[in-house]
Amino acid sequence: MIPAPQIAAGAGAGGAAIEILKLSKWYGALQVLHDVDLVVDRGERLVICGPSGSGKSTLIRTVNALEGFQRGEIRVGGVKLTREPAVVEAVRRNVGMVFQQFNLFPHLTVLENCALSLRLVRGLSGPEARERSMHYLTKVRIPEQAGKYPAQLSGGQQQRVAIARAIAMQPEVMLFDEPTSALDPEMVKEVLDVMVGLAEDGMTMVVVTHEMGFARQVADRVIFMDAGRIVEQAPPEVFFTRPQSERTRAFLQQVLPH
């Protein structure tokens, strides 16, 4: 058996958490990513925005091998991502992901949903897994829901459980794929507030979202994608006030309040 490559704690210190070089991907004849270059520094909060079909979700899904790619290179914490199961496992152990849908096990309680991977993947004992799970449920402000089942929670609460489950694994990097898009408007703020807290703790975050207020408040850098390409990237104070691309300006006119 090939030993799993090690991603050191603090991966990216003195370097990058994620490096993407000339990444291209096709679905059949359709090219959905075109020679994408991107470096995410350790501790950076990166927001990716763009119209539907621009490739932004596909891009972050390649980082933990949920999507393959045909050309280019990805490194996570210095480890080159390949199709080798040991490499994929090593990367996924250090990259957490939160999706549009909550993906909770309906037959397990909130606490059991959080503790399961800690036991199976991290090797924690039952009491250790429960203790760590409660710590992170407290962090996302729903410790009182620990004994309930997902169906007993609101959408916002379920998404906060999904975030707690992901960060309890103590990943080096957190990826968020439009985490509020499936929520009713009144539930969006409670999830974004939790994500703001994570950002303030220094978590390396890559967030695909249409929530421009979150991008203004939290992001160190905002990237705009269109047609599988990075069109523009800048700090939020520049991105929102002085966009360079006409395509970026047109997008912002559509999504920002007038």
C-alpha atoms as a PDB file:
ATOM      1  CA  MET A   1       0.000   0.000   0.000  1.00  0.00           C
ATOM      2  CA  ILE A   2       1.287   3.466  -0.888  1.00  0.00           C
ATOM      3  CA  PRO A   3       1.638   5.537   2.309  1.00  0.00           C
ATOM      4  CA  ALA A   4      -0.484   8.663   2.369  1.00  0.00           C
ATOM      5  CA  PRO A   5       1.532  11.851   1.835  1.00  0.00           C
ATOM      6  CA  GLN A   6       1.573  14.101   4.850  1.00  0.00           C
ATOM      7  CA  ILE A   7       0.174  17.614   4.814  1.00  0.00           C
ATOM      8  CA  ALA A   8       1.847  19.230   7.758  1.00  0.00           C
ATOM      9  CA  ALA A   9      -0.101  21.158  10.361  1.00  0.00           C
ATOM     10  CA  GLY A  10      -0.011  24.746   9.295  1.00  0.00           C
ATOM     11  CA  ALA A  11       0.322  23.713   5.680  1.00  0.00           C
ATOM     12  CA  GLY A  12       1.083  26.672   3.545  1.00  0.00           C
ATOM     13  CA  ALA A  13       3.106  28.487   6.219  1.00  0.00           C
ATOM     14  CA  GLY A  14       5.840  30.148   4.236  1.00  0.00           C
ATOM     15  CA  GLY A  15       4.002  29.100   1.116  1.00  0.00           C
ATOM     16  CA  ALA A  16       0.454  28.557  -0.069  1.00  0.00           C
ATOM     17  CA  ALA A  17      -2.523  26.612   1.229  1.00  0.00           C
ATOM     18  CA  ILE A  18      -3.738  25.964  -2.349  1.00  0.00           C
ATOM     19  CA  GLU A  19      -1.899  26.316  -5.648  1.00  0.00           C
ATOM     20  CA  ILE A  20      -3.739  25.891  -8.957  1.00  0.00           C
ATOM     21  CA  LEU A  21      -1.716  26.043 -12.165  1.00  0.00           C
ATOM     22  CA  LYS A  22      -3.116  26.132 -15.708  1.00  0.00           C
ATOM     23  CA  LEU A  23      -6.165  24.100 -14.698  1.00  0.00           C
ATOM     24  CA  SER A  24      -8.480  23.027 -17.520  1.00  0.00           C
ATOM     25  CA  LYS A  25     -11.519  20.774 -17.425  1.00  0.00           C
ATOM     26  CA  TRP A  26     -13.960  19.463 -19.991  1.00  0.00           C
ATOM     27  CA  TYR A  27     -17.342  17.761 -19.811  1.00  0.00           C
ATOM     28  CA  GLY A  28     -17.188  15.906 -23.099  1.00  0.00           C
ATOM     29  CA  ALA A  29     -16.613  18.554 -25.760  1.00  0.00           C
ATOM     30  CA  LEU A  30     -17.567  21.422 -23.420  1.00  0.00           C
ATOM     31  CA  GLN A  31     -14.620  23.134 -21.751  1.00  0.00           C
ATOM     32  CA  VAL A  32     -15.727  24.487 -18.373  1.00  0.00           C
ATOM     33  CA  LEU A  33     -12.359  25.658 -16.973  1.00  0.00           C
ATOM     34  CA  HIS A  34      -9.756  27.420 -19.126  1.00  0.00           C
ATOM     35  CA  ASP A  35      -6.146  27.517 -17.881  1.00  0.00           C
ATOM     36  CA  VAL A  36      -7.070  28.780 -14.409  1.00  0.00           C
ATOM     37  CA  ASP A  37      -4.171  30.014 -12.249  1.00  0.00           C
ATOM     38  CA  LEU A  38      -4.867  30.684  -8.575  1.00  0.00           C
ATOM     39  CA  VAL A  39      -2.879  30.762  -5.334  1.00  0.00           C
ATOM     40  CA  VAL A  40      -4.610  30.908  -1.943  1.00  0.00           C
ATOM     41  CA  ASP A  41      -2.362  31.856   0.956  1.00  0.00           C
ATOM     42  CA  ARG A  42      -2.690  30.301   4.375  1.00  0.00           C
ATOM     43  CA  GLY A  43      -5.211  32.304   6.426  1.00  0.00           C
ATOM     44  CA  GLU A  44      -6.616  34.064   3.354  1.00  0.00           C
ATOM     45  CA  ARG A  45     -10.362  34.584   2.932  1.00  0.00           C
ATOM     46  CA  LEU A  46     -11.155  34.319  -0.767  1.00  0.00           C
ATOM     47  CA  VAL A  47     -14.607  34.898  -2.266  1.00  0.00           C
ATOM     48  CA  ILE A  48     -15.389  33.671  -5.792  1.00  0.00           C
ATOM     49  CA  CYS A  49     -18.406  35.157  -7.549  1.00  0.00           C
ATOM     50  CA  GLY A  50     -19.812  35.092 -11.047  1.00  0.00           C
ATOM     51  CA  PRO A  51     -22.900  34.128 -13.038  1.00  0.00           C
ATOM     52  CA  SER A  52     -24.345  30.621 -13.016  1.00  0.00           C
ATOM     53  CA  GLY A  53     -22.308  28.313 -15.210  1.00  0.00           C
ATOM     54  CA  SER A  54     -19.124  30.346 -14.851  1.00  0.00           C
ATOM     55  CA  GLY A  55     -17.152  27.408 -13.422  1.00  0.00           C
ATOM     56  CA  LYS A  56     -16.743  28.702  -9.883  1.00  0.00           C
ATOM     57  CA  SER A  57     -18.269  25.672  -8.106  1.00  0.00           C
ATOM     58  CA  THR A  58     -16.478  23.280 -10.449  1.00  0.00           C
ATOM     59  CA  LEU A  59     -13.199  24.996  -9.609  1.00  0.00           C
ATOM     60  CA  ILE A  60     -13.439  24.526  -5.849  1.00  0.00           C
ATOM     61  CA  ARG A  61     -14.738  20.965  -6.245  1.00  0.00           C
ATOM     62  CA  THR A  62     -11.517  20.039  -8.056  1.00  0.00           C
ATOM     63  CA  VAL A  63      -9.509  21.048  -4.987  1.00  0.00           C
ATOM     64  CA  ASN A  64     -10.684  18.047  -2.950  1.00  0.00           C
ATOM     65  CA  ALA A  65     -11.094  15.709  -5.939  1.00  0.00           C
ATOM     66  CA  LEU A  66     -14.878  15.809  -6.082  1.00  0.00           C
ATOM     67  CA  GLU A  67     -14.319  16.754  -9.722  1.00  0.00           C
ATOM     68  CA  GLY A  68     -11.494  15.527 -11.896  1.00  0.00           C
ATOM     69  CA  PHE A  69      -9.618  17.632 -14.426  1.00  0.00           C
ATOM     70  CA  GLN A  70      -7.794  16.910 -17.642  1.00  0.00           C
ATOM     71  CA  ARG A  71      -4.946  19.410 -17.640  1.00  0.00           C
ATOM     72  CA  GLY A  72      -3.009  21.446 -15.115  1.00  0.00           C
ATOM     73  CA  GLU A  73      -1.936  20.950 -11.536  1.00  0.00           C
ATOM     74  CA  ILE A  74      -3.341  21.408  -8.029  1.00  0.00           C
ATOM     75  CA  ARG A  75      -1.304  21.400  -4.831  1.00  0.00           C
ATOM     76  CA  VAL A  76      -2.858  21.484  -1.361  1.00  0.00           C
ATOM     77  CA  GLY A  77      -0.423  22.191   1.454  1.00  0.00           C
ATOM     78  CA  GLY A  78       2.389  21.361  -0.935  1.00  0.00           C
ATOM     79  CA  VAL A  79       0.944  17.957  -1.885  1.00  0.00           C
ATOM     80  CA  LYS A  80       0.257  17.484  -5.585  1.00  0.00           C
ATOM     81  CA  LEU A  81      -3.270  16.194  -6.137  1.00  0.00           C
ATOM     82  CA  THR A  82      -3.389  13.008  -8.197  1.00  0.00           C
ATOM     83  CA  ARG A  83      -5.947  10.251  -8.665  1.00  0.00           C
ATOM     84  CA  GLU A  84      -4.100   7.955  -6.217  1.00  0.00           C
ATOM     85  CA  PRO A  85      -6.549   7.050  -3.432  1.00  0.00           C
ATOM     86  CA  ALA A  86      -3.923   7.701  -0.734  1.00  0.00           C
ATOM     87  CA  VAL A  87      -3.288  11.199  -2.094  1.00  0.00           C
ATOM     88  CA  VAL A  88      -6.990  11.993  -2.405  1.00  0.00           C
ATOM     89  CA  GLU A  89      -7.559  10.808   1.167  1.00  0.00           C
ATOM     90  CA  ALA A  90      -4.665  12.892   2.492  1.00  0.00           C
ATOM     91  CA  VAL A  91      -5.987  16.029   0.784  1.00  0.00           C
ATOM     92  CA  ARG A  92      -9.575  15.470   1.879  1.00  0.00           C
ATOM     93  CA  ARG A  93      -8.483  15.012   5.489  1.00  0.00           C
ATOM     94  CA  ASN A  94      -7.202  18.579   5.371  1.00  0.00           C
ATOM     95  CA  VAL A  95      -9.844  20.245   3.216  1.00  0.00           C
ATOM     96  CA  GLY A  96     -13.336  20.628   4.644  1.00  0.00           C
ATOM     97  CA  MET A  97     -16.305  21.438   2.451  1.00  0.00           C
ATOM     98  CA  VAL A  98     -19.803  22.778   3.013  1.00  0.00           C
ATOM     99  CA  PHE A  99     -22.315  22.410   0.190  1.00  0.00           C
ATOM    100  CA  GLN A 100     -25.579  24.046  -0.865  1.00  0.00           C
ATOM    101  CA  GLN A 101     -27.447  21.056   0.535  1.00  0.00           C
ATOM    102  CA  PHE A 102     -26.758  20.084   4.112  1.00  0.00           C
ATOM    103  CA  ASN A 103     -26.073  16.351   3.532  1.00  0.00           C
ATOM    104  CA  LEU A 104     -26.859  15.372   7.123  1.00  0.00           C
ATOM    105  CA  PHE A 105     -27.777  11.801   8.023  1.00  0.00           C
ATOM    106  CA  PRO A 106     -31.501  11.988   8.866  1.00  0.00           C
ATOM    107  CA  HIS A 107     -31.400   8.966  11.189  1.00  0.00           C
ATOM    108  CA  LEU A 108     -28.620  10.410  13.370  1.00  0.00           C
ATOM    109  CA  THR A 109     -28.896  13.188  15.911  1.00  0.00           C
ATOM    110  CA  VAL A 110     -27.042  16.441  15.421  1.00  0.00           C
ATOM    111  CA  LEU A 111     -24.343  15.281  17.840  1.00  0.00           C
ATOM    112  CA  GLU A 112     -24.037  11.908  16.114  1.00  0.00           C
ATOM    113  CA  ASN A 113     -23.773  13.601  12.700  1.00  0.00           C
ATOM    114  CA  CYS A 114     -20.801  15.606  13.945  1.00  0.00           C
ATOM    115  CA  ALA A 115     -19.114  12.787  15.869  1.00  0.00           C
ATOM    116  CA  LEU A 116     -19.300  10.084  13.197  1.00  0.00           C
ATOM    117  CA  SER A 117     -16.397  11.235  11.020  1.00  0.00           C
ATOM    118  CA  LEU A 118     -14.317  12.077  14.063  1.00  0.00           C
ATOM    119  CA  ARG A 119     -14.527   8.431  15.099  1.00  0.00           C
ATOM    120  CA  LEU A 120     -14.222   6.842  11.660  1.00  0.00           C
ATOM    121  CA  VAL A 121     -11.662   9.171  10.066  1.00  0.00           C
ATOM    122  CA  ARG A 122      -9.799  10.839  12.936  1.00  0.00           C
ATOM    123  CA  GLY A 123      -9.902   7.773  15.178  1.00  0.00           C
ATOM    124  CA  LEU A 124     -11.255   9.542  18.243  1.00  0.00           C
ATOM    125  CA  SER A 125     -12.976   7.557  20.969  1.00  0.00           C
ATOM    126  CA  GLY A 126     -16.716   8.007  21.433  1.00  0.00           C
ATOM    127  CA  PRO A 127     -16.355  10.394  24.398  1.00  0.00           C
ATOM    128  CA  GLU A 128     -13.600  12.376  22.655  1.00  0.00           C
ATOM    129  CA  ALA A 129     -15.673  12.694  19.485  1.00  0.00           C
ATOM    130  CA  ARG A 130     -18.730  13.845  21.414  1.00  0.00           C
ATOM    131  CA  GLU A 131     -16.717  16.370  23.424  1.00  0.00           C
ATOM    132  CA  ARG A 132     -15.129  17.878  20.310  1.00  0.00           C
ATOM    133  CA  SER A 133     -18.491  17.895  18.514  1.00  0.00           C
ATOM    134  CA  MET A 134     -20.110  19.809  21.367  1.00  0.00           C
ATOM    135  CA  HIS A 135     -17.266  22.331  21.274  1.00  0.00           C
ATOM    136  CA  TYR A 136     -17.928  23.079  17.613  1.00  0.00           C
ATOM    137  CA  LEU A 137     -21.715  23.010  17.964  1.00  0.00           C
ATOM    138  CA  THR A 138     -21.214  25.669  20.611  1.00  0.00           C
ATOM    139  CA  LYS A 139     -18.981  27.576  18.198  1.00  0.00           C
ATOM    140  CA  VAL A 140     -21.781  27.690  15.602  1.00  0.00           C
ATOM    141  CA  ARG A 141     -24.264  28.629  18.360  1.00  0.00           C
ATOM    142  CA  ILE A 142     -26.527  25.582  18.434  1.00  0.00           C
ATOM    143  CA  PRO A 143     -25.316  23.338  21.295  1.00  0.00           C
ATOM    144  CA  GLU A 144     -28.908  23.064  22.552  1.00  0.00           C
ATOM    145  CA  GLN A 145     -29.852  21.228  19.332  1.00  0.00           C
ATOM    146  CA  ALA A 146     -27.378  18.375  19.886  1.00  0.00           C
ATOM    147  CA  GLY A 147     -30.005  15.767  20.729  1.00  0.00           C
ATOM    148  CA  LYS A 148     -32.392  16.636  17.891  1.00  0.00           C
ATOM    149  CA  TYR A 149     -32.629  15.095  14.439  1.00  0.00           C
ATOM    150  CA  PRO A 150     -32.071  17.129  11.252  1.00  0.00           C
ATOM    151  CA  ALA A 151     -35.774  17.149  10.359  1.00  0.00           C
ATOM    152  CA  GLN A 152     -36.471  18.983  13.625  1.00  0.00           C
ATOM    153  CA  LEU A 153     -34.204  21.894  12.644  1.00  0.00           C
ATOM    154  CA  SER A 154     -34.618  24.887  10.357  1.00  0.00           C
ATOM    155  CA  GLY A 155     -32.571  25.091   7.182  1.00  0.00           C
ATOM    156  CA  GLY A 156     -30.233  27.626   8.757  1.00  0.00           C
ATOM    157  CA  GLN A 157     -29.696  25.389  11.769  1.00  0.00           C
ATOM    158  CA  GLN A 158     -29.010  22.380   9.551  1.00  0.00           C
ATOM    159  CA  GLN A 159     -26.410  24.333   7.603  1.00  0.00           C
ATOM    160  CA  ARG A 160     -24.750  25.376  10.854  1.00  0.00           C
ATOM    161  CA  VAL A 161     -24.595  21.689  11.841  1.00  0.00           C
ATOM    162  CA  ALA A 162     -22.947  20.953   8.488  1.00  0.00           C
ATOM    163  CA  ILE A 163     -20.387  23.694   9.185  1.00  0.00           C
ATOM    164  CA  ALA A 164     -19.746  22.362  12.705  1.00  0.00           C
ATOM    165  CA  ARG A 165     -19.264  18.853  11.324  1.00  0.00           C
ATOM    166  CA  ALA A 166     -16.729  20.128   8.794  1.00  0.00           C
ATOM    167  CA  ILE A 167     -14.686  22.338  11.121  1.00  0.00           C
ATOM    168  CA  ALA A 168     -14.683  19.697  13.886  1.00  0.00           C
ATOM    169  CA  MET A 169     -12.339  17.744  11.623  1.00  0.00           C
ATOM    170  CA  GLN A 170      -9.943  20.714  12.037  1.00  0.00           C
ATOM    171  CA  PRO A 171      -9.080  21.041   8.347  1.00  0.00           C
ATOM    172  CA  GLU A 172      -6.375  23.357   7.060  1.00  0.00           C
ATOM    173  CA  VAL A 173      -8.759  24.819   4.462  1.00  0.00           C
ATOM    174  CA  MET A 174     -12.539  25.266   4.325  1.00  0.00           C
ATOM    175  CA  LEU A 175     -14.397  25.377   1.005  1.00  0.00           C
ATOM    176  CA  PHE A 176     -17.957  26.723   0.876  1.00  0.00           C
ATOM    177  CA  ASP A 177     -20.027  26.081  -2.247  1.00  0.00           C
ATOM    178  CA  GLU A 178     -22.891  28.616  -2.160  1.00  0.00           C
ATOM    179  CA  PRO A 179     -23.725  27.662   1.440  1.00  0.00           C
ATOM    180  CA  THR A 180     -26.734  29.988   1.702  1.00  0.00           C
ATOM    181  CA  SER A 181     -28.348  29.437  -1.706  1.00  0.00           C
ATOM    182  CA  ALA A 182     -30.786  26.778  -0.432  1.00  0.00           C
ATOM    183  CA  LEU A 183     -31.913  28.858   2.547  1.00  0.00           C
ATOM    184  CA  ASP A 184     -34.892  31.109   3.021  1.00  0.00           C
ATOM    185  CA  PRO A 185     -33.779  34.755   3.153  1.00  0.00           C
ATOM    186  CA  GLU A 186     -34.365  35.112   6.887  1.00  0.00           C
ATOM    187  CA  MET A 187     -32.026  32.157   7.555  1.00  0.00           C
ATOM    188  CA  VAL A 188     -29.140  33.474   5.468  1.00  0.00           C
ATOM    189  CA  LYS A 189     -27.828  35.905   8.085  1.00  0.00           C
ATOM    190  CA  GLU A 190     -27.431  33.287  10.812  1.00  0.00           C
ATOM    191  CA  VAL A 191     -25.216  31.161   8.556  1.00  0.00           C
ATOM    192  CA  LEU A 192     -23.212  34.130   7.312  1.00  0.00           C
ATOM    193  CA  ASP A 193     -22.664  35.270  10.905  1.00  0.00           C
ATOM    194  CA  VAL A 194     -21.112  31.872  11.691  1.00  0.00           C
ATOM    195  CA  MET A 195     -18.855  32.150   8.640  1.00  0.00           C
ATOM    196  CA  VAL A 196     -17.784  35.660   9.676  1.00  0.00           C
ATOM    197  CA  GLY A 197     -16.765  34.187  13.026  1.00  0.00           C
ATOM    198  CA  LEU A 198     -14.655  31.533  11.305  1.00  0.00           C
ATOM    199  CA  ALA A 199     -12.979  34.197   9.209  1.00  0.00           C
ATOM    200  CA  GLU A 200     -12.166  36.198  12.326  1.00  0.00           C
ATOM    201  CA  ASP A 201     -10.531  33.069  13.790  1.00  0.00           C
ATOM    202  CA  GLY A 202      -8.092  33.017  10.860  1.00  0.00           C
ATOM    203  CA  MET A 203      -9.507  30.025   8.986  1.00  0.00           C
ATOM    204  CA  THR A 204      -8.328  29.688   5.387  1.00  0.00           C
ATOM    205  CA  MET A 205     -11.574  29.983   3.442  1.00  0.00           C
ATOM    206  CA  VAL A 206     -12.597  29.812  -0.203  1.00  0.00           C
ATOM    207  CA  VAL A 207     -16.245  30.799  -0.560  1.00  0.00           C
ATOM    208  CA  VAL A 208     -18.372  30.617  -3.695  1.00  0.00           C
ATOM    209  CA  THR A 209     -21.292  32.935  -3.035  1.00  0.00           C
ATOM    210  CA  HIS A 210     -23.623  35.592  -4.395  1.00  0.00           C
ATOM    211  CA  GLU A 211     -23.662  37.326  -0.991  1.00  0.00           C
ATOM    212  CA  MET A 212     -21.800  40.489  -1.879  1.00  0.00           C
ATOM    213  CA  GLY A 213     -22.218  41.973   1.585  1.00  0.00           C
ATOM    214  CA  PHE A 214     -20.304  39.005   2.995  1.00  0.00           C
ATOM    215  CA  ALA A 215     -17.595  39.493   0.367  1.00  0.00           C
ATOM    216  CA  ARG A 216     -17.225  43.172   1.311  1.00  0.00           C
ATOM    217  CA  GLN A 217     -17.052  42.383   5.026  1.00  0.00           C
ATOM    218  CA  VAL A 218     -14.883  39.272   5.105  1.00  0.00           C
ATOM    219  CA  ALA A 219     -12.875  38.726   1.933  1.00  0.00           C
ATOM    220  CA  ASP A 220      -9.210  39.552   1.592  1.00  0.00           C
ATOM    221  CA  ARG A 221      -9.665  39.096  -2.143  1.00  0.00           C
ATOM    222  CA  VAL A 222     -12.655  38.773  -4.477  1.00  0.00           C
ATOM    223  CA  ILE A 223     -12.453  36.843  -7.734  1.00  0.00           C
ATOM    224  CA  PHE A 224     -14.905  37.202 -10.591  1.00  0.00           C
ATOM    225  CA  MET A 225     -15.255  34.248 -12.952  1.00  0.00           C
ATOM    226  CA  ASP A 226     -17.053  34.045 -16.267  1.00  0.00           C
ATOM    227  CA  ALA A 227     -17.096  31.294 -18.901  1.00  0.00           C
ATOM    228  CA  GLY A 228     -14.553  29.189 -17.023  1.00  0.00           C
ATOM    229  CA  ARG A 229     -11.978  31.945 -16.650  1.00  0.00           C
ATOM    230  CA  ILE A 230     -10.851  34.291 -13.906  1.00  0.00           C
ATOM    231  CA  VAL A 231     -11.761  37.676 -15.349  1.00  0.00           C
ATOM    232  CA  GLU A 232     -10.744  39.885 -12.437  1.00  0.00           C
ATOM    233  CA  GLN A 233      -9.438  39.690  -8.895  1.00  0.00           C
ATOM    234  CA  ALA A 234      -8.819  42.430  -6.352  1.00  0.00           C
ATOM    235  CA  PRO A 235      -9.273  43.365  -2.687  1.00  0.00           C
ATOM    236  CA  PRO A 236     -12.952  44.103  -2.024  1.00  0.00           C
ATOM    237  CA  GLU A 237     -12.475  47.861  -1.670  1.00  0.00           C
ATOM    238  CA  VAL A 238     -11.063  47.907  -5.217  1.00  0.00           C
ATOM    239  CA  PHE A 239     -13.273  45.176  -6.681  1.00  0.00           C
ATOM    240  CA  PHE A 240     -16.538  46.859  -5.725  1.00  0.00           C
ATOM    241  CA  THR A 241     -15.579  50.476  -6.365  1.00  0.00           C
ATOM    242  CA  ARG A 242     -13.141  50.367  -9.278  1.00  0.00           C
ATOM    243  CA  PRO A 243     -13.656  47.153 -11.293  1.00  0.00           C
ATOM    244  CA  GLN A 244     -11.407  47.054 -14.342  1.00  0.00           C
ATOM    245  CA  SER A 245     -13.366  44.705 -16.613  1.00  0.00           C
ATOM    246  CA  GLU A 246     -16.563  45.725 -18.379  1.00  0.00           C
ATOM    247  CA  ARG A 247     -17.886  42.212 -17.719  1.00  0.00           C
ATOM    248  CA  THR A 248     -17.275  42.643 -13.989  1.00  0.00           C
ATOM    249  CA  ARG A 249     -18.999  46.030 -13.995  1.00  0.00           C
ATOM    250  CA  ALA A 250     -22.049  44.555 -15.748  1.00  0.00           C
ATOM    251  CA  PHE A 251     -22.232  41.723 -13.199  1.00  0.00           C
ATOM    252  CA  LEU A 252     -21.991  44.073 -10.227  1.00  0.00           C
ATOM    253  CA  GLN A 253     -24.709  46.301 -11.642  1.00  0.00           C
ATOM    254  CA  GLN A 254     -26.999  43.264 -11.625  1.00  0.00           C
ATOM    255  CA  VAL A 255     -26.209  41.948  -8.143  1.00  0.00           C
ATOM    256  CA  LEU A 256     -25.590  45.086  -6.100  1.00  0.00           C
ATOM    257  CA  PRO A 257     -28.512  47.142  -4.714  1.00  0.00           C
ATOM    258  CA  HIS A 258     -29.038  50.422  -6.517  1.00  0.00           C
END
